Protein backbone atom coordinates (compact mmCIF):
# COMPACT_ATOMS: atom_id res chain seq x y z
CA UNK A 1 -2.08 24.37 5.99
CA UNK A 2 -1.13 20.91 4.74
CA UNK A 3 -4.06 18.76 3.68
CA UNK A 4 -4.25 14.98 3.48
CA UNK A 5 -6.10 12.55 1.25
CA UNK A 6 -6.39 8.97 2.41
CA UNK A 7 -7.23 5.96 0.25
CA UNK A 8 -7.02 2.19 0.16
CA UNK A 9 -9.61 1.15 2.71
CA UNK A 10 -12.21 -1.51 2.16
CA UNK A 11 -13.89 -4.65 3.42
CA UNK A 12 -11.60 -7.51 4.36
CA UNK A 13 -11.93 -10.79 6.19
CA UNK A 14 -10.10 -11.44 9.46
CA UNK A 15 -6.52 -12.34 8.72
CA UNK A 16 -6.50 -10.35 5.51
CA UNK A 17 -4.40 -7.41 4.44
CA UNK A 18 -4.86 -3.88 3.19
CA UNK A 19 -2.49 -1.10 2.20
CA UNK A 20 -3.53 2.45 2.93
CA UNK A 21 -2.06 5.50 1.24
CA UNK A 22 -2.01 9.11 2.30
CA UNK A 23 -1.10 11.93 -0.04
CA UNK A 24 -0.05 15.17 1.65
CA UNK A 25 -0.13 18.57 -0.01
CA UNK A 26 3.24 19.43 1.50
CA UNK A 27 6.18 18.01 3.41
CA UNK A 28 5.70 17.07 7.06
CA UNK A 29 8.49 15.90 9.34
CA UNK A 30 6.60 13.53 11.60
CA UNK A 31 3.61 11.75 10.13
CA UNK A 32 1.11 9.39 11.65
CA UNK A 33 -1.81 7.14 10.95
CA UNK A 34 -4.75 7.54 13.30
CA UNK A 35 -7.97 5.60 13.55
CA UNK A 36 -11.41 6.15 15.00
CA UNK A 37 -13.74 3.28 15.70
CA UNK A 38 -17.49 3.89 16.13
CA UNK A 39 -18.20 5.55 19.44
CA UNK A 40 -14.52 5.95 20.31
CA UNK A 41 -11.99 8.73 20.17
CA UNK A 42 -9.46 9.05 17.38
CA UNK A 43 -6.12 7.56 18.37
CA UNK A 44 -2.65 7.48 16.87
CA UNK A 45 -1.63 3.95 15.87
CA UNK A 46 1.62 4.42 13.96
CA UNK A 47 4.13 7.19 13.39
CA UNK A 48 7.15 7.80 11.21
CA UNK A 49 9.79 10.51 11.17
CA UNK A 50 11.12 12.05 7.99
CA UNK A 51 14.21 9.92 8.53
CA UNK A 52 12.19 6.72 8.67
CA UNK A 53 12.09 5.97 12.39
CA UNK A 54 8.81 4.28 13.26
CA UNK A 55 6.71 3.52 16.29
CA UNK A 56 3.45 1.68 16.88
CA UNK A 57 0.88 1.17 19.54
CA UNK A 58 1.01 -2.28 21.09
CA UNK A 59 -2.23 -3.43 19.49
CA UNK A 60 -0.81 -3.17 15.95
CA UNK A 61 2.88 -3.86 16.62
CA UNK A 62 4.08 -6.68 14.38
CA UNK A 63 1.03 -6.50 12.12
CA UNK A 64 1.12 -2.95 10.71
CA UNK A 65 4.01 -1.28 8.91
CA UNK A 66 4.19 2.44 8.27
CA UNK A 67 6.41 3.78 5.52
CA UNK A 68 6.81 6.94 3.50
CA UNK A 69 8.02 8.28 0.19
CA UNK A 70 9.36 11.75 0.93
CA UNK A 71 9.70 12.63 -2.75
CA UNK A 72 5.96 12.07 -3.19
CA UNK A 73 4.84 13.41 0.22
CA UNK A 74 3.06 10.10 0.67
CA UNK A 75 2.73 7.86 3.68
CA UNK A 76 1.59 4.25 3.63
CA UNK A 77 0.21 1.80 6.14
CA UNK A 78 0.52 -1.88 5.36
CA UNK A 79 -1.93 -3.77 7.53
CA UNK A 80 -1.60 -7.53 7.84
CA UNK A 81 -3.37 -10.12 9.99
CA UNK A 82 -6.33 -7.80 10.35
CA UNK A 83 -8.69 -8.33 13.26
CA UNK A 84 -12.30 -7.35 13.90
CA UNK A 85 -11.09 -4.68 16.31
CA UNK A 86 -9.12 -2.96 13.53
CA UNK A 87 -12.42 -1.80 12.04
CA UNK A 88 -12.33 2.00 11.98
CA UNK A 89 -11.95 5.06 9.84
CA UNK A 90 -8.24 5.61 9.27
CA UNK A 91 -6.75 9.08 8.93
CA UNK A 92 -3.30 10.48 8.43
CA UNK A 93 -2.01 13.69 9.88
CA UNK A 94 1.10 15.23 11.30
CA UNK A 95 2.33 14.38 14.77
CA UNK A 96 1.08 16.29 16.67
CA UNK A 97 -2.03 16.46 14.53
CA UNK A 98 -3.04 19.69 12.91
CA UNK A 99 -6.64 20.22 14.01
CA UNK A 100 -7.69 21.76 10.70
CA UNK A 101 -5.82 19.25 8.53
CA UNK A 102 -8.00 16.18 8.93
CA UNK A 103 -9.09 14.59 5.68
CA UNK A 104 -12.11 12.41 5.03
CA UNK A 105 -10.32 9.28 6.11
CA UNK A 106 -10.69 5.83 4.64
CA UNK A 107 -12.99 3.16 6.07
CA UNK A 108 -11.52 -0.20 7.00
CA UNK A 109 -14.01 -2.90 7.86
CA UNK A 110 -12.90 -6.31 9.04
CA UNK A 111 -15.76 -8.74 8.82
CA UNK A 112 -16.42 -12.35 7.97
């Protein structure tokens, strides 16, 4: 069972940037960043294949960039032009997500 450790979250003003990192305990072909806002379900926002093909939900397209370092089993999420509605706990996991692989996540708060 691959486990994930997320880091890099924090408090940022609207329009600011953050870079999240996710260290996996093993190699996963298709990786994703998910987020869960208070009172809402956890949703996939960005995905990347082991070959580097990426996809994004419309709400983050053009602002977020997912990338990976296969040698380090690490996935990143560069988040630019952050908005209030990006506030959430961010998680990484495989796609589809392994139900017992969720980590603690990293909190991203966008506030002025």
